[in-house]
C-alpha atoms as a PDB file:
ATOM      1  CA  MET A   1     -22.101 110.493-127.502  1.00  0.00           C
ATOM      2  CA  MET A   2     -25.870 110.086-127.300  1.00  0.00           C
ATOM      3  CA  SER A   3     -27.349 111.554-124.123  1.00  0.00           C
ATOM      4  CA  LYS A   4     -28.983 109.081-121.800  1.00  0.00           C
ATOM      5  CA  ARG A   5     -32.738 109.403-121.404  1.00  0.00           C
ATOM      6  CA  ILE A   6     -33.990 109.371-117.845  1.00  0.00           C
ATOM      7  CA  ALA A   7     -37.669 109.022-117.003  1.00  0.00           C
ATOM      8  CA  ILE A   8     -38.967 110.476-113.751  1.00  0.00           C
ATOM      9  CA  VAL A   9     -42.396 109.306-112.616  1.00  0.00           C
ATOM     10  CA  GLU A  10     -43.447 111.492-109.703  1.00  0.00           C
ATOM     11  CA  ASP A  11     -46.860 112.986-108.955  1.00  0.00           C
ATOM     12  CA  ASP A  12     -45.520 115.968-107.011  1.00  0.00           C
ATOM     13  CA  GLU A  13     -44.834 118.561-109.696  1.00  0.00           C
ATOM     14  CA  ALA A  14     -42.337 120.614-107.708  1.00  0.00           C
ATOM     15  CA  ILE A  15     -40.214 117.585-106.778  1.00  0.00           C
ATOM     16  CA  ARG A  16     -40.489 116.150-110.282  1.00  0.00           C
ATOM     17  CA  GLU A  17     -39.364 119.304-112.041  1.00  0.00           C
ATOM     18  CA  ASN A  18     -36.601 120.078-109.537  1.00  0.00           C
ATOM     19  CA  TYR A  19     -34.981 116.705-110.172  1.00  0.00           C
ATOM     20  CA  ALA A  20     -35.582 117.025-113.908  1.00  0.00           C
ATOM     21  CA  ASP A  21     -33.923 120.447-114.084  1.00  0.00           C
ATOM     22  CA  ALA A  22     -30.936 119.279-112.078  1.00  0.00           C
ATOM     23  CA  LEU A  23     -30.432 116.202-114.269  1.00  0.00           C
ATOM     24  CA  ARG A  24     -30.812 118.203-117.474  1.00  0.00           C
ATOM     25  CA  LYS A  25     -28.023 120.466-116.270  1.00  0.00           C
ATOM     26  CA  GLN A  26     -25.868 117.321-116.140  1.00  0.00           C
ATOM     27  CA  GLY A  27     -26.569 116.609-119.791  1.00  0.00           C
ATOM     28  CA  PHE A  28     -29.309 114.019-119.483  1.00  0.00           C
ATOM     29  CA  VAL A  29     -32.469 114.032-121.556  1.00  0.00           C
ATOM     30  CA  VAL A  30     -35.225 113.908-118.971  1.00  0.00           C
ATOM     31  CA  GLN A  31     -38.844 112.913-119.541  1.00  0.00           C
ATOM     32  CA  THR A  32     -41.310 113.449-116.716  1.00  0.00           C
ATOM     33  CA  TYR A  33     -44.640 111.778-115.978  1.00  0.00           C
ATOM     34  CA  LYS A  34     -47.117 112.557-113.252  1.00  0.00           C
ATOM     35  CA  ASN A  35     -48.915 109.218-113.062  1.00  0.00           C
ATOM     36  CA  LYS A  36     -48.712 105.562-114.016  1.00  0.00           C
ATOM     37  CA  GLN A  37     -50.809 105.723-117.164  1.00  0.00           C
ATOM     38  CA  THR A  38     -48.902 108.560-118.852  1.00  0.00           C
ATOM     39  CA  ALA A  39     -45.668 106.735-118.080  1.00  0.00           C
ATOM     40  CA  LEU A  40     -47.001 103.450-119.458  1.00  0.00           C
ATOM     41  CA  ASP A  41     -48.141 105.171-122.664  1.00  0.00           C
ATOM     42  CA  ALA A  42     -44.639 106.580-123.146  1.00  0.00           C
ATOM     43  CA  PHE A  43     -42.834 103.357-122.211  1.00  0.00           C
ATOM     44  CA  ASP A  44     -44.928 101.459-124.748  1.00  0.00           C
ATOM     45  CA  LEU A  45     -43.333 103.631-127.434  1.00  0.00           C
ATOM     46  CA  ALA A  46     -39.769 103.638-126.120  1.00  0.00           C
ATOM     47  CA  LEU A  47     -38.012 102.647-122.930  1.00  0.00           C
ATOM     48  CA  PRO A  48     -35.754 105.159-121.194  1.00  0.00           C
ATOM     49  CA  HIS A  49     -32.140 104.388-120.318  1.00  0.00           C
ATOM     50  CA  LEU A  50     -32.953 104.745-116.614  1.00  0.00           C
ATOM     51  CA  ALA A  51     -36.198 105.180-114.667  1.00  0.00           C
ATOM     52  CA  ILE A  52     -36.723 106.977-111.366  1.00  0.00           C
ATOM     53  CA  LEU A  53     -40.026 105.990-109.805  1.00  0.00           C
ATOM     54  CA  ASP A  54     -42.058 107.160-106.861  1.00  0.00           C
ATOM     55  CA  ILE A  55     -44.216 104.396-105.398  1.00  0.00           C
ATOM     56  CA  GLY A  56     -47.462 106.216-104.631  1.00  0.00           C
ATOM     57  CA  LEU A  57     -48.719 107.920-107.795  1.00  0.00           C
ATOM     58  CA  GLU A  58     -51.850 110.070-107.431  1.00  0.00           C
ATOM     59  CA  ASP A  59     -54.625 107.706-106.325  1.00  0.00           C
ATOM     60  CA  GLU A  60     -52.605 104.529-106.981  1.00  0.00           C
ATOM     61  CA  TYR A  61     -50.915 103.562-103.741  1.00  0.00           C
ATOM     62  CA  ASP A  62     -48.537 101.081-105.419  1.00  0.00           C
ATOM     63  CA  GLY A  63     -48.477 102.609-108.899  1.00  0.00           C
ATOM     64  CA  GLY A  64     -44.673 102.754-108.881  1.00  0.00           C
ATOM     65  CA  PHE A  65     -44.444  99.072-108.037  1.00  0.00           C
ATOM     66  CA  ASP A  66     -46.692  98.321-111.023  1.00  0.00           C
ATOM     67  CA  LEU A  67     -44.404 100.365-113.269  1.00  0.00           C
ATOM     68  CA  CYS A  68     -41.329  98.597-111.953  1.00  0.00           C
ATOM     69  CA  ARG A  69     -42.908  95.232-112.698  1.00  0.00           C
ATOM     70  CA  TYR A  70     -43.819  96.419-116.212  1.00  0.00           C
ATOM     71  CA  LEU A  71     -40.349  97.780-116.950  1.00  0.00           C
ATOM     72  CA  ARG A  72     -38.599  94.691-115.638  1.00  0.00           C
ATOM     73  CA  ASP A  73     -40.796  92.528-117.873  1.00  0.00           C
ATOM     74  CA  LYS A  74     -39.663  94.659-120.806  1.00  0.00           C
ATOM     75  CA  SER A  75     -35.967  94.711-119.928  1.00  0.00           C
ATOM     76  CA  ASP A  76     -33.711  92.753-117.600  1.00  0.00           C
ATOM     77  CA  THR A  77     -31.073  95.473-117.556  1.00  0.00           C
ATOM     78  CA  LEU A  78     -32.928  98.793-117.538  1.00  0.00           C
ATOM     79  CA  PRO A  79     -31.826 100.582-114.335  1.00  0.00           C
ATOM     80  CA  ILE A  80     -34.703 101.393-111.990  1.00  0.00           C
ATOM     81  CA  ILE A  81     -34.383 103.578-108.900  1.00  0.00           C
ATOM     82  CA  PHE A  82     -37.211 104.059-106.422  1.00  0.00           C
ATOM     83  CA  LEU A  83     -37.203 107.594-105.027  1.00  0.00           C
ATOM     84  CA  THR A  84     -39.860 107.653-102.353  1.00  0.00           C
ATOM     85  CA  ALA A  85     -40.916 108.896 -98.930  1.00  0.00           C
ATOM     86  CA  ARG A  86     -41.957 105.370 -97.990  1.00  0.00           C
ATOM     87  CA  ASP A  87     -39.053 104.090 -95.963  1.00  0.00           C
ATOM     88  CA  SER A  88     -40.380 100.932 -94.318  1.00  0.00           C
ATOM     89  CA  ASP A  89     -38.426  97.709 -94.659  1.00  0.00           C
ATOM     90  CA  ALA A  90     -41.485  96.103 -96.260  1.00  0.00           C
ATOM     91  CA  ASP A  91     -41.592  98.688 -99.043  1.00  0.00           C
ATOM     92  CA  LEU A  92     -37.842  98.598 -99.561  1.00  0.00           C
ATOM     93  CA  ILE A  93     -37.803  94.817 -99.793  1.00  0.00           C
ATOM     94  CA  SER A  94     -40.802  94.826-102.134  1.00  0.00           C
ATOM     95  CA  GLY A  95     -39.108  97.322-104.443  1.00  0.00           C
ATOM     96  CA  LEU A  96     -35.869  95.395-104.623  1.00  0.00           C
ATOM     97  CA  ARG A  97     -37.666  92.089-105.108  1.00  0.00           C
ATOM     98  CA  LEU A  98     -39.514  93.570-108.064  1.00  0.00           C
ATOM     99  CA  GLY A  99     -36.134  94.162-109.678  1.00  0.00           C
ATOM    100  CA  ALA A 100     -35.250  97.746-108.785  1.00  0.00           C
ATOM    101  CA  ASN A 101     -31.540  98.506-108.728  1.00  0.00           C
ATOM    102  CA  ASP A 102     -31.760 101.001-105.891  1.00  0.00           C
ATOM    103  CA  TYR A 103     -34.254 102.302-103.330  1.00  0.00           C
ATOM    104  CA  VAL A 104     -33.616 105.733-101.876  1.00  0.00           C
ATOM    105  CA  SER A 105     -35.416 108.294 -99.738  1.00  0.00           C
ATOM    106  CA  LYS A 106     -36.617 111.670-100.952  1.00  0.00           C
ATOM    107  CA  THR A 107     -34.663 113.144 -98.041  1.00  0.00           C
ATOM    108  CA  MET A 108     -31.489 112.167 -99.861  1.00  0.00           C
ATOM    109  CA  SER A 109     -29.493 115.012-101.378  1.00  0.00           C
ATOM    110  CA  PHE A 110     -29.490 115.428-105.141  1.00  0.00           C
ATOM    111  CA  ALA A 111     -25.715 114.961-105.144  1.00  0.00           C
ATOM    112  CA  ASN A 112     -26.159 111.537-103.565  1.00  0.00           C
ATOM    113  CA  LEU A 113     -28.879 110.556-106.056  1.00  0.00           C
ATOM    114  CA  SER A 114     -26.771 111.828-108.943  1.00  0.00           C
ATOM    115  CA  ALA A 115     -23.805 109.745-107.809  1.00  0.00           C
ATOM    116  CA  ARG A 116     -25.988 106.637-107.722  1.00  0.00           C
ATOM    117  CA  ILE A 117     -27.339 107.345-111.223  1.00  0.00           C
ATOM    118  CA  HIS A 118     -23.847 107.763-112.640  1.00  0.00           C
ATOM    119  CA  ALA A 119     -22.605 104.652-110.847  1.00  0.00           C
ATOM    120  CA  ILE A 120     -25.383 102.503-112.312  1.00  0.00           C
ATOM    121  CA  LEU A 121     -24.950 103.875-115.841  1.00  0.00           C
ATOM    122  CA  ASN A 122     -21.165 103.466-115.647  1.00  0.00           C
ATOM    123  CA  TYR A 123     -21.568  99.879-114.492  1.00  0.00           C
ATOM    124  CA  LEU A 124     -23.911  99.126-117.391  1.00  0.00           C
ATOM    125  CA  LYS A 125     -21.438 100.702-119.806  1.00  0.00           C
ATOM    126  CA  PHE A 126     -18.794  98.361-118.446  1.00  0.00           C
ATOM    127  CA  ILE A 127     -20.854  95.162-118.670  1.00  0.00           C
ATOM    128  CA  ASP A 128     -22.175  96.118-122.120  1.00  0.00           C
ATOM    129  CA  LYS A 129     -18.675  96.525-123.405  1.00  0.00           C
ATOM    130  CA  PRO A 130     -17.971  93.813-125.946  1.00  0.00           C
ATOM    131  CA  VAL A 131     -15.454  91.261-124.859  1.00  0.00           C
ATOM    132  CA  VAL A 132     -12.284  91.561-126.916  1.00  0.00           C
ATOM    133  CA  GLU A 133     -10.860  88.106-127.300  1.00  0.00           C
ATOM    134  CA  ASN A 134      -7.141  87.563-127.476  1.00  0.00           C
ATOM    135  CA  LYS A 135      -6.781  86.256-131.019  1.00  0.00           C
ATOM    136  CA  VAL A 136      -4.035  85.835-133.565  1.00  0.00           C
ATOM    137  CA  ASP A 137      -5.077  85.584-137.219  1.00  0.00           C
ATOM    138  CA  ARG A 138      -2.602  84.525-139.886  1.00  0.00           C
ATOM    139  CA  GLY A 139      -4.319  83.937-143.189  1.00  0.00           C
ATOM    140  CA  GLU A 140      -6.314  80.731-142.785  1.00  0.00           C
ATOM    141  CA  LEU A 141      -5.010  80.234-139.259  1.00  0.00           C
ATOM    142  CA  SER A 142      -6.903  81.599-136.265  1.00  0.00           C
ATOM    143  CA  ILE A 143      -5.653  81.160-132.708  1.00  0.00           C
ATOM    144  CA  ASN A 144      -7.733  82.121-129.691  1.00  0.00           C
ATOM    145  CA  LYS A 145      -5.426  82.468-126.726  1.00  0.00           C
ATOM    146  CA  ASP A 146      -8.286  82.803-124.231  1.00  0.00           C
ATOM    147  CA  ARG A 147     -10.050  79.668-125.435  1.00  0.00           C
ATOM    148  CA  LEU A 148      -6.795  77.802-126.171  1.00  0.00           C
ATOM    149  CA  SER A 149      -8.237  76.892-129.555  1.00  0.00           C
ATOM    150  CA  ILE A 150      -6.780  76.743-133.045  1.00  0.00           C
ATOM    151  CA  HIS A 151      -8.781  76.875-136.243  1.00  0.00           C
ATOM    152  CA  TRP A 152      -7.495  76.243-139.745  1.00  0.00           C
ATOM    153  CA  GLN A 153      -9.773  77.150-142.630  1.00  0.00           C
ATOM    154  CA  ASN A 154     -12.466  77.778-139.998  1.00  0.00           C
ATOM    155  CA  LYS A 155     -12.230  74.206-138.703  1.00  0.00           C
ATOM    156  CA  LEU A 156     -11.061  73.337-135.219  1.00  0.00           C
ATOM    157  CA  ILE A 157      -7.682  71.636-134.879  1.00  0.00           C
ATOM    158  CA  ASN A 158      -7.687  69.463-131.789  1.00  0.00           C
ATOM    159  CA  THR A 159      -4.307  70.019-130.167  1.00  0.00           C
ATOM    160  CA  THR A 160      -2.815  69.225-126.812  1.00  0.00           C
ATOM    161  CA  ILE A 161      -1.815  72.148-124.614  1.00  0.00           C
ATOM    162  CA  THR A 162       1.836  71.673-125.568  1.00  0.00           C
ATOM    163  CA  GLU A 163       0.975  71.586-129.266  1.00  0.00           C
ATOM    164  CA  PHE A 164      -1.180  74.681-128.860  1.00  0.00           C
ATOM    165  CA  TRP A 165       1.653  76.731-127.359  1.00  0.00           C
ATOM    166  CA  MET A 166       4.091  75.552-130.000  1.00  0.00           C
ATOM    167  CA  VAL A 167       1.795  76.635-132.821  1.00  0.00           C
ATOM    168  CA  TYR A 168       1.137  79.916-131.010  1.00  0.00           C
ATOM    169  CA  SER A 169       4.871  80.489-130.575  1.00  0.00           C
ATOM    170  CA  LEU A 170       5.570  79.886-134.255  1.00  0.00           C
ATOM    171  CA  ALA A 171       2.602  81.820-135.628  1.00  0.00           C
ATOM    172  CA  LEU A 172       3.029  84.859-133.392  1.00  0.00           C
ATOM    173  CA  ASN A 173       6.017  86.004-135.480  1.00  0.00           C
ATOM    174  CA  PRO A 174       5.713  84.383-138.901  1.00  0.00           C
ATOM    175  CA  GLY A 175       8.995  84.057-140.735  1.00  0.00           C
ATOM    176  CA  HIS A 176      11.031  84.055-137.524  1.00  0.00           C
ATOM    177  CA  VAL A 177      12.912  80.840-136.755  1.00  0.00           C
ATOM    178  CA  LYS A 178      12.252  79.292-133.342  1.00  0.00           C
ATOM    179  CA  ASN A 179      14.793  76.797-132.113  1.00  0.00           C
ATOM    180  CA  LYS A 180      13.765  73.801-130.067  1.00  0.00           C
ATOM    181  CA  GLU A 181      14.796  75.357-126.774  1.00  0.00           C
ATOM    182  CA  GLN A 182      12.642  78.418-127.477  1.00  0.00           C
ATOM    183  CA  LEU A 183       9.686  76.211-128.352  1.00  0.00           C
ATOM    184  CA  MET A 184      10.126  74.288-125.110  1.00  0.00           C
ATOM    185  CA  THR A 185      10.234  77.549-123.154  1.00  0.00           C
ATOM    186  CA  ASP A 186       7.126  78.899-124.883  1.00  0.00           C
ATOM    187  CA  ALA A 187       5.294  75.613-124.277  1.00  0.00           C
ATOM    188  CA  ASN A 188       6.522  75.509-120.668  1.00  0.00           C
ATOM    189  CA  ILE A 189       7.958  72.013-120.988  1.00  0.00           C
ATOM    190  CA  VAL A 190      11.382  70.449-120.495  1.00  0.00           C
ATOM    191  CA  VAL A 191      11.955  67.599-122.929  1.00  0.00           C
ATOM    192  CA  ASP A 192      14.691  66.416-125.255  1.00  0.00           C
ATOM    193  CA  ASP A 193      15.046  67.659-128.837  1.00  0.00           C
ATOM    194  CA  ASN A 194      13.559  64.473-130.275  1.00  0.00           C
ATOM    195  CA  THR A 195      10.337  65.039-128.323  1.00  0.00           C
ATOM    196  CA  VAL A 196      10.029  68.546-129.764  1.00  0.00           C
ATOM    197  CA  THR A 197      10.495  67.035-133.223  1.00  0.00           C
ATOM    198  CA  ALA A 198       7.746  64.528-132.439  1.00  0.00           C
ATOM    199  CA  HIS A 199       5.404  67.326-131.331  1.00  0.00           C
ATOM    200  CA  ILE A 200       5.999  69.237-134.587  1.00  0.00           C
ATOM    201  CA  LYS A 201       5.402  66.067-136.571  1.00  0.00           C
ATOM    202  CA  ARG A 202       2.040  65.516-134.819  1.00  0.00           C
ATOM    203  CA  ILE A 203       1.083  69.171-135.332  1.00  0.00           C
ATOM    204  CA  ARG A 204       1.749  68.916-139.064  1.00  0.00           C
ATOM    205  CA  LYS A 205      -0.226  65.679-139.215  1.00  0.00           C
ATOM    206  CA  LYS A 206      -3.253  67.259-137.517  1.00  0.00           C
ATOM    207  CA  PHE A 207      -3.263  70.215-139.925  1.00  0.00           C
ATOM    208  CA  SER A 208      -2.722  67.957-142.912  1.00  0.00           C
ATOM    209  CA  ALA A 209      -5.658  65.781-141.854  1.00  0.00           C
ATOM    210  CA  GLN A 210      -7.907  68.785-142.534  1.00  0.00           C
ATOM    211  CA  ASP A 211      -5.909  70.268-145.391  1.00  0.00           C
ATOM    212  CA  SER A 212      -3.739  67.964-147.457  1.00  0.00           C
ATOM    213  CA  GLY A 213      -1.944  70.995-148.903  1.00  0.00           C
ATOM    214  CA  PHE A 214      -0.864  72.331-145.516  1.00  0.00           C
ATOM    215  CA  ASN A 215       2.795  73.401-145.561  1.00  0.00           C
ATOM    216  CA  CYS A 216       3.041  76.385-143.222  1.00  0.00           C
ATOM    217  CA  ILE A 217       5.627  74.974-140.815  1.00  0.00           C
ATOM    218  CA  ASP A 218       9.118  74.989-142.298  1.00  0.00           C
ATOM    219  CA  THR A 219      11.998  72.995-140.910  1.00  0.00           C
ATOM    220  CA  VAL A 220      15.134  75.143-140.922  1.00  0.00           C
ATOM    221  CA  TYR A 221      17.847  72.514-140.657  1.00  0.00           C
ATOM    222  CA  GLY A 222      20.259  73.014-137.807  1.00  0.00           C
ATOM    223  CA  MET A 223      18.194  75.893-136.422  1.00  0.00           C
ATOM    224  CA  GLY A 224      14.554  75.043-135.754  1.00  0.00           C
ATOM    225  CA  TYR A 225      11.155  75.792-137.234  1.00  0.00           C
ATOM    226  CA  ARG A 226       9.257  78.761-138.602  1.00  0.00           C
ATOM    227  CA  TRP A 227       5.698  79.562-139.582  1.00  0.00           C
ATOM    228  CA  HIS A 228       4.904  81.098-142.947  1.00  0.00           C
ATOM    229  CA  ASP A 229       1.618  81.981-144.553  1.00  0.00           C
ATOM    230  CA  GLY A 230       1.867  79.281-147.189  1.00  0.00           C
ATOM    231  CA  GLN A 231       1.952  81.728-150.082  1.00  0.00           C
END
């Protein structure tokens, strides 16, 4: 797994390098900058995965705030932590309003800071995780259980909820016969057998309207219905 790059912008060399050494021991790639301009030059080339900023940087009283504003303009999700001796409510509120994810004091232990860094990066890993949709694909049939949608040959089939669950029930195990009672159970309805027959008839009609050759729902006389791939 690629190591995360953390940028530390801190004008006090001893503090800067102490944090950098500690984070490197945890496996991070750490880049350090002593003032706003050197950080800006580096960020123009590549953004880090997380930035730790002091507010006062050399002769720039709000240099860290400027960097936060710059980074947030570049990325909505890049984690930014202010690590500063300035602990007034005004500074804290300003930092958070500029888009920082956290605002902590330099009196905080490294263990506490490290926990916050890992928590932010873990949260980002979670929200960046691609959503896996609950889909069933059977040849030219695609069913999305989360969206309650059915596509045939990449075209949407407009079904009712009952029709959706009946198609889903049949297509989930192609080749298996589903009797009418099972279809009613899977569709969560209680109707007579003739109504189930009517539902299947409408389902076939909707598929056939898009594909005149559609024949994937077999009637198994005396037993029920089954889905096959139409081969």
